[in-house]
C-alpha atoms as a PDB file:
ATOM      1  CA  MET A   1      19.447  -9.222  20.855  1.00  0.00           C
ATOM      2  CA  ALA A   2      17.211  -9.041  24.243  1.00  0.00           C
ATOM      3  CA  GLY A   3      15.991  -5.319  23.650  1.00  0.00           C
ATOM      4  CA  PRO A   4      14.980  -6.089  19.907  1.00  0.00           C
ATOM      5  CA  CYS A   5      13.337  -9.367  20.566  1.00  0.00           C
ATOM      6  CA  ARG A   6      11.267  -7.530  23.505  1.00  0.00           C
ATOM      7  CA  ILE A   7      10.275  -5.423  20.788  1.00  0.00           C
ATOM      8  CA  TYR A   8       9.399  -7.294  18.168  1.00  0.00           C
ATOM      9  CA  THR A   9       7.306  -9.394  20.649  1.00  0.00           C
ATOM     10  CA  VAL A  10       5.356  -6.856  21.770  1.00  0.00           C
ATOM     11  CA  VAL A  11       4.535  -5.274  18.086  1.00  0.00           C
ATOM     12  CA  TRP A  12       3.496  -9.215  17.027  1.00  0.00           C
ATOM     13  CA  ARG A  13       0.877  -9.289  20.034  1.00  0.00           C
ATOM     14  CA  ARG A  14      -0.516  -6.275  19.185  1.00  0.00           C
ATOM     15  CA  ARG A  15      -0.883  -7.965  15.983  1.00  0.00           C
ATOM     16  CA  VAL A  16      -2.426 -11.229  17.388  1.00  0.00           C
ATOM     17  CA  ALA A  17      -4.511  -8.828  19.209  1.00  0.00           C
ATOM     18  CA  ALA A  18      -5.789  -7.284  16.488  1.00  0.00           C
ATOM     19  CA  PHE A  19      -6.569 -10.286  14.383  1.00  0.00           C
ATOM     20  CA  VAL A  20      -8.597 -11.330  17.329  1.00  0.00           C
ATOM     21  CA  ALA A  21     -10.269  -8.927  17.515  1.00  0.00           C
ATOM     22  CA  THR A  22     -11.406  -8.046  13.972  1.00  0.00           C
ATOM     23  CA  VAL A  23     -12.062 -11.556  12.465  1.00  0.00           C
ATOM     24  CA  GLY A  24     -15.467 -11.629  14.142  1.00  0.00           C
ATOM     25  CA  VAL A  25     -16.545  -8.832  11.948  1.00  0.00           C
ATOM     26  CA  GLY A  26     -16.858 -11.209   9.370  1.00  0.00           C
ATOM     27  CA  VAL A  27     -15.163 -12.945   6.267  1.00  0.00           C
ATOM     28  CA  GLY A  28     -16.507 -12.836   2.844  1.00  0.00           C
ATOM     29  CA  ALA A  29     -17.892  -9.093   2.904  1.00  0.00           C
ATOM     30  CA  ALA A  30     -19.287  -7.499  -0.314  1.00  0.00           C
ATOM     31  CA  ALA A  31     -16.815  -6.212  -2.598  1.00  0.00           C
ATOM     32  CA  SER A  32     -16.646  -2.473  -3.351  1.00  0.00           C
ATOM     33  CA  ALA A  33     -17.569  -3.647  -7.031  1.00  0.00           C
ATOM     34  CA  ASP A  34     -17.721  -6.420  -9.643  1.00  0.00           C
ATOM     35  CA  ALA A  35     -14.110  -6.565 -10.918  1.00  0.00           C
ATOM     36  CA  GLY A  36     -15.579  -6.539 -14.751  1.00  0.00           C
ATOM     37  CA  ALA A  37     -16.911  -3.333 -14.198  1.00  0.00           C
ATOM     38  CA  ASP A  38     -14.454  -1.299 -12.709  1.00  0.00           C
ATOM     39  CA  PHE A  39     -11.882  -2.625 -14.977  1.00  0.00           C
ATOM     40  CA  LYS A  40     -10.853   0.742 -16.032  1.00  0.00           C
ATOM     41  CA  LEU A  41      -9.894   2.040 -12.537  1.00  0.00           C
ATOM     42  CA  VAL A  42      -8.211  -0.977 -11.891  1.00  0.00           C
ATOM     43  CA  ALA A  43      -5.711  -0.518 -14.032  1.00  0.00           C
ATOM     44  CA  VAL A  44      -5.524   3.204 -13.486  1.00  0.00           C
ATOM     45  CA  MET A  45      -4.798   2.488  -9.773  1.00  0.00           C
ATOM     46  CA  HIS A  46      -1.942  -0.419 -10.896  1.00  0.00           C
ATOM     47  CA  GLN A  47      -0.647   2.435 -13.215  1.00  0.00           C
ATOM     48  CA  ASN A  48      -0.488   4.536 -10.437  1.00  0.00           C
ATOM     49  CA  LEU A  49       0.918   2.499  -8.004  1.00  0.00           C
ATOM     50  CA  ALA A  50       3.969   1.325 -10.559  1.00  0.00           C
ATOM     51  CA  ALA A  51       4.356   5.440 -11.026  1.00  0.00           C
ATOM     52  CA  ILE A  52       4.548   5.397  -7.537  1.00  0.00           C
ATOM     53  CA  ASN A  53       7.088   2.588  -7.352  1.00  0.00           C
ATOM     54  CA  GLU A  54       9.179   4.016 -10.608  1.00  0.00           C
ATOM     55  CA  ILE A  55       9.456   7.815  -7.900  1.00  0.00           C
ATOM     56  CA  TYR A  56      10.956   5.538  -5.067  1.00  0.00           C
ATOM     57  CA  GLU A  57      13.605   3.475  -7.705  1.00  0.00           C
ATOM     58  CA  ALA A  58      14.746   6.245  -9.527  1.00  0.00           C
ATOM     59  CA  ILE A  59      15.653   8.528  -6.104  1.00  0.00           C
ATOM     60  CA  VAL A  60      17.675   5.608  -4.628  1.00  0.00           C
ATOM     61  CA  ARG A  61      18.872   6.264  -8.324  1.00  0.00           C
ATOM     62  CA  ASP A  62      19.340  10.022  -7.874  1.00  0.00           C
ATOM     63  CA  ASP A  63      17.386   9.657 -11.250  1.00  0.00           C
ATOM     64  CA  TYR A  64      15.351  12.915 -11.304  1.00  0.00           C
ATOM     65  CA  GLU A  65      13.737  13.085 -15.015  1.00  0.00           C
ATOM     66  CA  ARG A  66      12.076   9.150 -14.320  1.00  0.00           C
ATOM     67  CA  VAL A  67      10.884  10.801 -11.203  1.00  0.00           C
ATOM     68  CA  GLU A  68       9.534  13.764 -13.432  1.00  0.00           C
ATOM     69  CA  LYS A  69       7.876  10.728 -15.583  1.00  0.00           C
ATOM     70  CA  GLY A  70       6.114   9.323 -12.613  1.00  0.00           C
ATOM     71  CA  ALA A  71       5.023  12.495 -11.543  1.00  0.00           C
ATOM     72  CA  THR A  72       3.443  13.185 -15.421  1.00  0.00           C
ATOM     73  CA  THR A  73       1.763   9.232 -14.747  1.00  0.00           C
ATOM     74  CA  LEU A  74       0.076  10.596 -12.092  1.00  0.00           C
ATOM     75  CA  LYS A  75      -0.756  13.600 -13.587  1.00  0.00           C
ATOM     76  CA  THR A  76      -2.323  12.402 -16.730  1.00  0.00           C
ATOM     77  CA  ASN A  77      -3.999   9.513 -14.772  1.00  0.00           C
ATOM     78  CA  ALA A  78      -6.023  12.201 -12.216  1.00  0.00           C
ATOM     79  CA  SER A  79      -6.871  14.400 -15.326  1.00  0.00           C
ATOM     80  CA  SER A  80      -8.016  11.550 -17.474  1.00  0.00           C
ATOM     81  CA  MET A  81     -10.529  10.232 -14.694  1.00  0.00           C
ATOM     82  CA  LYS A  82     -12.234  13.326 -13.995  1.00  0.00           C
ATOM     83  CA  GLY A  83     -16.477  13.283 -14.786  1.00  0.00           C
ATOM     84  CA  ILE A  84     -16.016   9.570 -15.042  1.00  0.00           C
ATOM     85  CA  ASP A  85     -19.424   8.069 -14.220  1.00  0.00           C
ATOM     86  CA  LEU A  86     -19.263   6.707 -10.662  1.00  0.00           C
ATOM     87  CA  LYS A  87     -22.556   4.053 -11.458  1.00  0.00           C
ATOM     88  CA  SER A  88     -20.755   2.347 -14.730  1.00  0.00           C
ATOM     89  CA  LEU A  89     -17.839   1.430 -11.659  1.00  0.00           C
ATOM     90  CA  GLN A  90     -20.940   0.349  -9.291  1.00  0.00           C
ATOM     91  CA  LEU A  91     -19.524   3.071  -7.075  1.00  0.00           C
ATOM     92  CA  ASP A  92     -22.120   6.003  -5.556  1.00  0.00           C
ATOM     93  CA  ALA A  93     -23.008   8.670  -8.125  1.00  0.00           C
ATOM     94  CA  LYS A  94     -23.849  10.884  -5.397  1.00  0.00           C
ATOM     95  CA  LYS A  95     -19.632  11.275  -4.507  1.00  0.00           C
ATOM     96  CA  GLY A  96     -18.899  11.971  -7.927  1.00  0.00           C
ATOM     97  CA  THR A  97     -17.668  15.872  -6.560  1.00  0.00           C
ATOM     98  CA  GLU A  98     -15.733  14.091  -3.831  1.00  0.00           C
ATOM     99  CA  PHE A  99     -14.054  11.619  -6.273  1.00  0.00           C
ATOM    100  CA  ASN A 100     -12.990  14.688  -8.357  1.00  0.00           C
ATOM    101  CA  ARG A 101     -11.604  16.653  -5.435  1.00  0.00           C
ATOM    102  CA  PHE A 102      -9.395  13.590  -4.326  1.00  0.00           C
ATOM    103  CA  LEU A 103      -8.558  13.215  -8.112  1.00  0.00           C
ATOM    104  CA  THR A 104      -7.850  17.365  -8.145  1.00  0.00           C
ATOM    105  CA  ALA A 105      -5.351  16.113  -4.790  1.00  0.00           C
ATOM    106  CA  GLN A 106      -3.996  13.423  -6.646  1.00  0.00           C
ATOM    107  CA  HIS A 107      -2.723  16.177  -9.726  1.00  0.00           C
ATOM    108  CA  ARG A 108      -1.814  18.529  -7.218  1.00  0.00           C
ATOM    109  CA  ALA A 109       0.841  15.988  -5.034  1.00  0.00           C
ATOM    110  CA  ALA A 110       2.296  14.747  -8.362  1.00  0.00           C
ATOM    111  CA  ASP A 111       2.676  18.586  -9.695  1.00  0.00           C
ATOM    112  CA  SER A 112       4.977  19.156  -6.209  1.00  0.00           C
ATOM    113  CA  ILE A 113       6.839  15.633  -6.816  1.00  0.00           C
ATOM    114  CA  ALA A 114       7.218  17.090 -10.274  1.00  0.00           C
ATOM    115  CA  LYS A 115       8.808  20.436  -8.962  1.00  0.00           C
ATOM    116  CA  ALA A 116      10.894  18.901  -6.786  1.00  0.00           C
ATOM    117  CA  ALA A 117      12.362  16.798  -9.229  1.00  0.00           C
ATOM    118  CA  THR A 118      13.102  19.806 -10.923  1.00  0.00           C
ATOM    119  CA  SER A 119      15.267  20.615  -8.594  1.00  0.00           C
ATOM    120  CA  GLU A 120      16.567  17.572  -7.722  1.00  0.00           C
ATOM    121  CA  ASP A 121      15.584  17.433  -3.901  1.00  0.00           C
ATOM    122  CA  ALA A 122      14.719  14.852  -2.660  1.00  0.00           C
ATOM    123  CA  ALA A 123      13.016  15.143   0.873  1.00  0.00           C
ATOM    124  CA  ALA A 124      10.395  17.412  -1.465  1.00  0.00           C
ATOM    125  CA  VAL A 125       9.907  14.456  -3.654  1.00  0.00           C
ATOM    126  CA  LEU A 126       9.235  11.912  -1.058  1.00  0.00           C
ATOM    127  CA  LEU A 127       7.374  14.486   1.537  1.00  0.00           C
ATOM    128  CA  GLY A 128       4.948  15.202  -2.322  1.00  0.00           C
ATOM    129  CA  VAL A 129       4.451  11.031  -2.153  1.00  0.00           C
ATOM    130  CA  ASN A 130       3.220  11.530   1.294  1.00  0.00           C
ATOM    131  CA  LEU A 131       0.893  14.197   0.575  1.00  0.00           C
ATOM    132  CA  LEU A 132      -0.150  11.900  -2.635  1.00  0.00           C
ATOM    133  CA  ILE A 133      -1.002   8.756  -0.461  1.00  0.00           C
ATOM    134  CA  ASP A 134      -2.443  10.380   2.556  1.00  0.00           C
ATOM    135  CA  ASP A 135      -4.660  13.434   0.664  1.00  0.00           C
ATOM    136  CA  ALA A 136      -5.509  11.450  -2.371  1.00  0.00           C
ATOM    137  CA  CYS A 137      -5.441   7.960  -1.871  1.00  0.00           C
ATOM    138  CA  VAL A 138      -6.138   6.871   1.507  1.00  0.00           C
ATOM    139  CA  ALA A 139      -8.724   9.676   1.663  1.00  0.00           C
ATOM    140  CA  CYS A 140     -10.520   8.371  -1.462  1.00  0.00           C
ATOM    141  CA  HIS A 141     -10.501   4.515  -0.552  1.00  0.00           C
ATOM    142  CA  SER A 142     -12.238   6.086   2.704  1.00  0.00           C
ATOM    143  CA  GLU A 143     -14.395   8.220   1.198  1.00  0.00           C
ATOM    144  CA  ILE A 144     -15.696   6.590  -2.034  1.00  0.00           C
ATOM    145  CA  ARG A 145     -14.445   2.745  -1.970  1.00  0.00           C
ATOM    146  CA  GLU A 146     -14.845   1.440   1.612  1.00  0.00           C
ATOM    147  CA  THR A 147     -17.970  -0.166   2.346  1.00  0.00           C
ATOM    148  CA  ASP A 148     -18.344  -2.759   4.938  1.00  0.00           C
ATOM    149  CA  ALA A 149     -15.526  -4.568   3.202  1.00  0.00           C
ATOM    150  CA  GLY A 150     -13.404  -2.041   4.688  1.00  0.00           C
ATOM    151  CA  ARG A 151     -13.593  -3.118   7.956  1.00  0.00           C
ATOM    152  CA  THR A 152     -13.321  -6.204   6.870  1.00  0.00           C
ATOM    153  CA  PRO A 153      -9.605  -8.085   8.884  1.00  0.00           C
ATOM    154  CA  ARG A 154      -8.297  -8.093   5.173  1.00  0.00           C
ATOM    155  CA  ALA A 155      -8.940  -4.563   4.642  1.00  0.00           C
ATOM    156  CA  LEU A 156      -7.357  -3.506   8.234  1.00  0.00           C
ATOM    157  CA  PHE A 157      -4.205  -5.373   7.863  1.00  0.00           C
ATOM    158  CA  MET A 158      -3.869  -3.915   4.411  1.00  0.00           C
ATOM    159  CA  ARG A 159      -4.424  -0.435   5.944  1.00  0.00           C
ATOM    160  CA  SER A 160      -1.572  -1.413   8.579  1.00  0.00           C
ATOM    161  CA  LEU A 161       1.471  -2.270   6.295  1.00  0.00           C
ATOM    162  CA  LEU A 162       0.108   0.789   4.002  1.00  0.00           C
ATOM    163  CA  SER A 163       0.559   3.220   7.352  1.00  0.00           C
ATOM    164  CA  SER A 164       3.758   1.499   8.427  1.00  0.00           C
ATOM    165  CA  VAL A 165       5.026   1.723   4.602  1.00  0.00           C
ATOM    166  CA  GLN A 166       4.078   5.664   4.584  1.00  0.00           C
ATOM    167  CA  SER A 167       6.011   5.947   7.958  1.00  0.00           C
ATOM    168  CA  VAL A 168       8.966   4.867   6.993  1.00  0.00           C
ATOM    169  CA  ASN A 169       8.854   7.201   3.770  1.00  0.00           C
ATOM    170  CA  ARG A 170       7.961   9.714   6.208  1.00  0.00           C
ATOM    171  CA  GLY A 171      11.135   8.694   8.200  1.00  0.00           C
ATOM    172  CA  ILE A 172      13.411   9.044   5.013  1.00  0.00           C
ATOM    173  CA  ALA A 173      12.286  12.874   4.559  1.00  0.00           C
ATOM    174  CA  MET A 174      13.204  13.735   8.401  1.00  0.00           C
ATOM    175  CA  ASN A 175      15.773  11.100   8.752  1.00  0.00           C
ATOM    176  CA  ASP A 176      14.084  10.165  11.378  1.00  0.00           C
ATOM    177  CA  TYR A 177      15.959   6.212  11.592  1.00  0.00           C
ATOM    178  CA  GLY A 178      14.497   5.777  14.857  1.00  0.00           C
ATOM    179  CA  LEU A 179      10.923   5.838  13.718  1.00  0.00           C
ATOM    180  CA  ILE A 180      12.071   3.948  10.268  1.00  0.00           C
ATOM    181  CA  ALA A 181      13.304   0.860  12.249  1.00  0.00           C
ATOM    182  CA  ARG A 182      10.054   0.902  14.662  1.00  0.00           C
ATOM    183  CA  GLU A 183       7.902   1.154  11.476  1.00  0.00           C
ATOM    184  CA  ALA A 184       9.929  -1.837   9.938  1.00  0.00           C
ATOM    185  CA  ARG A 185       9.149  -4.020  13.162  1.00  0.00           C
ATOM    186  CA  GLU A 186       5.788  -3.300  12.191  1.00  0.00           C
ATOM    187  CA  ILE A 187       5.851  -4.821   9.144  1.00  0.00           C
ATOM    188  CA  GLY A 188       7.689  -7.108   9.702  1.00  0.00           C
ATOM    189  CA  ALA A 189       5.040  -8.506  12.640  1.00  0.00           C
ATOM    190  CA  THR A 190       2.242  -8.144  10.366  1.00  0.00           C
ATOM    191  CA  ALA A 191       4.051 -10.649   7.683  1.00  0.00           C
ATOM    192  CA  HIS A 192       4.515 -12.892   9.815  1.00  0.00           C
ATOM    193  CA  ILE A 193       1.036 -13.068  10.973  1.00  0.00           C
ATOM    194  CA  LEU A 194      -0.112 -12.952   7.502  1.00  0.00           C
ATOM    195  CA  THR A 195       2.029 -16.174   6.769  1.00  0.00           C
ATOM    196  CA  TRP A 196      -0.193 -18.151   8.740  1.00  0.00           C
ATOM    197  CA  ASN A 197      -2.406 -20.872   7.032  1.00  0.00           C
ATOM    198  CA  GLN A 198      -5.432 -19.718   9.063  1.00  0.00           C
ATOM    199  CA  VAL A 199      -5.351 -16.364   8.096  1.00  0.00           C
ATOM    200  CA  ILE A 200      -4.393 -17.183   4.456  1.00  0.00           C
ATOM    201  CA  GLU A 201      -7.189 -19.531   4.274  1.00  0.00           C
ATOM    202  CA  THR A 202     -10.091 -17.024   6.199  1.00  0.00           C
ATOM    203  CA  ILE A 203      -9.139 -13.862   5.494  1.00  0.00           C
ATOM    204  CA  PHE A 204      -7.793 -13.683   2.346  1.00  0.00           C
ATOM    205  CA  MET A 205      -9.801 -17.155   1.195  1.00  0.00           C
ATOM    206  CA  VAL A 206      -6.829 -19.009  -0.570  1.00  0.00           C
ATOM    207  CA  GLU A 207      -7.208 -22.476  -0.315  1.00  0.00           C
ATOM    208  CA  ASP A 208      -5.535 -24.787  -2.823  1.00  0.00           C
ATOM    209  CA  PRO A 209      -2.760 -25.298  -0.895  1.00  0.00           C
ATOM    210  CA  GLU A 210       0.284 -24.634  -3.634  1.00  0.00           C
ATOM    211  CA  ASP A 211      -1.614 -21.211  -3.904  1.00  0.00           C
ATOM    212  CA  ARG A 212      -1.408 -20.945  -0.151  1.00  0.00           C
ATOM    213  CA  ASP A 213       2.308 -21.419  -0.542  1.00  0.00           C
ATOM    214  CA  GLU A 214       2.597 -18.852  -3.354  1.00  0.00           C
ATOM    215  CA  PHE A 215       0.512 -16.273  -1.235  1.00  0.00           C
ATOM    216  CA  ARG A 216       3.055 -16.977   2.165  1.00  0.00           C
ATOM    217  CA  GLY A 217       5.758 -16.277  -0.432  1.00  0.00           C
ATOM    218  CA  TYR A 218       5.011 -12.340  -0.638  1.00  0.00           C
ATOM    219  CA  PHE A 219       5.025 -11.989   3.037  1.00  0.00           C
ATOM    220  CA  GLU A 220       7.868 -13.450   3.984  1.00  0.00           C
ATOM    221  CA  THR A 221       9.456 -11.259   0.729  1.00  0.00           C
ATOM    222  CA  LEU A 222       7.854  -8.332   3.040  1.00  0.00           C
ATOM    223  CA  SER A 223       9.404  -9.493   6.373  1.00  0.00           C
ATOM    224  CA  SER A 224      13.026 -10.172   4.806  1.00  0.00           C
ATOM    225  CA  GLN A 225      12.749  -6.713   3.178  1.00  0.00           C
ATOM    226  CA  ALA A 226      11.197  -5.218   6.663  1.00  0.00           C
ATOM    227  CA  ILE A 227      14.348  -6.995   8.645  1.00  0.00           C
ATOM    228  CA  ARG A 228      16.810  -5.153   5.726  1.00  0.00           C
ATOM    229  CA  VAL A 229      15.073  -1.425   6.195  1.00  0.00           C
ATOM    230  CA  GLU A 230      15.731  -2.214  10.211  1.00  0.00           C
ATOM    231  CA  HIS A 231      19.306  -3.067   9.478  1.00  0.00           C
ATOM    232  CA  ALA A 232      19.734  -0.057   7.553  1.00  0.00           C
ATOM    233  CA  ALA A 233      18.262   2.526   9.931  1.00  0.00           C
ATOM    234  CA  ALA A 234      20.451   1.169  12.128  1.00  0.00           C
ATOM    235  CA  GLU A 235      23.565   2.111   9.550  1.00  0.00           C
ATOM    236  CA  LYS A 236      21.509   5.492   8.960  1.00  0.00           C
ATOM    237  CA  ASN A 237      21.739   4.212   4.900  1.00  0.00           C
ATOM    238  CA  PRO A 238      18.790   6.256   3.007  1.00  0.00           C
ATOM    239  CA  LYS A 239      19.229   4.456  -0.449  1.00  0.00           C
ATOM    240  CA  MET A 240      19.209   0.987   1.558  1.00  0.00           C
ATOM    241  CA  ILE A 241      16.326   1.901   3.188  1.00  0.00           C
ATOM    242  CA  SER A 242      14.580   3.028  -0.189  1.00  0.00           C
ATOM    243  CA  ALA A 243      16.076   0.216  -1.806  1.00  0.00           C
ATOM    244  CA  ALA A 244      14.256  -2.652   0.256  1.00  0.00           C
ATOM    245  CA  THR A 245      11.257  -0.699   0.774  1.00  0.00           C
ATOM    246  CA  ARG A 246      10.791  -0.281  -3.289  1.00  0.00           C
ATOM    247  CA  SER A 247      11.179  -4.328  -2.973  1.00  0.00           C
ATOM    248  CA  MET A 248       8.796  -4.705  -0.902  1.00  0.00           C
ATOM    249  CA  LEU A 249       6.713  -2.865  -2.493  1.00  0.00           C
ATOM    250  CA  ASN A 250       7.367  -4.773  -6.522  1.00  0.00           C
ATOM    251  CA  ASN A 251       8.148  -8.245  -4.989  1.00  0.00           C
ATOM    252  CA  GLY A 252       5.527  -8.215  -2.377  1.00  0.00           C
ATOM    253  CA  CYS A 253       2.497  -5.381  -2.766  1.00  0.00           C
ATOM    254  CA  VAL A 254       2.401  -5.415  -6.430  1.00  0.00           C
ATOM    255  CA  SER A 255       3.210  -8.992  -7.452  1.00  0.00           C
ATOM    256  CA  CYS A 256       0.449 -10.662  -4.622  1.00  0.00           C
ATOM    257  CA  HIS A 257      -1.896  -8.189  -5.837  1.00  0.00           C
ATOM    258  CA  GLU A 258      -1.439  -8.938  -9.569  1.00  0.00           C
ATOM    259  CA  ARG A 259      -1.679 -12.981  -8.610  1.00  0.00           C
ATOM    260  CA  PHE A 260      -4.239 -12.779  -5.891  1.00  0.00           C
ATOM    261  CA  ARG A 261      -6.367  -9.689  -5.417  1.00  0.00           C
ATOM    262  CA  ASP A 262      -9.255  -9.965  -8.180  1.00  0.00           C
ATOM    263  CA  GLY A 263      -9.684 -13.333  -7.724  1.00  0.00           C
ATOM    264  CA  ILE A 264     -10.315 -12.715  -3.945  1.00  0.00           C
ATOM    265  CA  ARG A 265     -12.748 -10.070  -4.910  1.00  0.00           C
ATOM    266  CA  GLU A 266     -14.413 -12.451  -6.689  1.00  0.00           C
ATOM    267  CA  ARG A 267     -14.867 -15.036  -4.102  1.00  0.00           C
ATOM    268  CA  ALA A 268     -15.988 -12.621  -1.508  1.00  0.00           C
ATOM    269  CA  LYS A 269     -18.772 -11.450  -3.764  1.00  0.00           C
ATOM    270  CA  GLN A 270     -19.663 -14.871  -4.473  1.00  0.00           C
ATOM    271  CA  GLU A 271     -20.068 -15.511  -0.842  1.00  0.00           C
ATOM    272  CA  ARG A 272     -21.764 -12.557  -0.115  1.00  0.00           C
END
């Protein structure tokens, strides 16, 4: 056990260093948009994430009809958001062209997922999802949504988790179980730090003790599922990896966002 423990310790220390280095950026930076004003955008983002989760679950079950259904949702949402008035979402109205470009990237990636589903090509489906996240989700958030809030420790931790989950999916597509195991350890180390009271209170501004316990539970779920991913990687079991990754997203990320994210954003806005 010395080898894995030593690797975990190195990753854990790296995450602590990242936390210490970024905590000085400031807590409570301005939220990118008012929760009420961008309700439609937030709702569509939740639908997109739910569609991606459905695709992951369908792959595990070899249910390519559901994969195609999820891809259709992604395409429909991309089309529905084109031409929307960014000012009404409290976003930079001058970035309409860029916003539409990212929506086109989402539509293109979703189309590739749908085509891969037709040929029942699981690897191509996962590559399409990674293309979606790279060229649409992450790119759009970096260009359109990011303000000073995008450089807070909270945002940096979330980006780290997203990057690692993305790499796990890339590892599944490439049959690279070493990559999957490494990224699972990264997820576990990051999730461990995010269970600390100091982090929960100062970075995520969750002050109520009962809320902190609930918040911590989501990251404990993330950590336990990361261990499952690592074990499944050792066994070279892609279906178990996908199932554990899906559980991380559904029972960790999505559940936590639905319970806490809007409240965190509102408190950050009030503390400007």
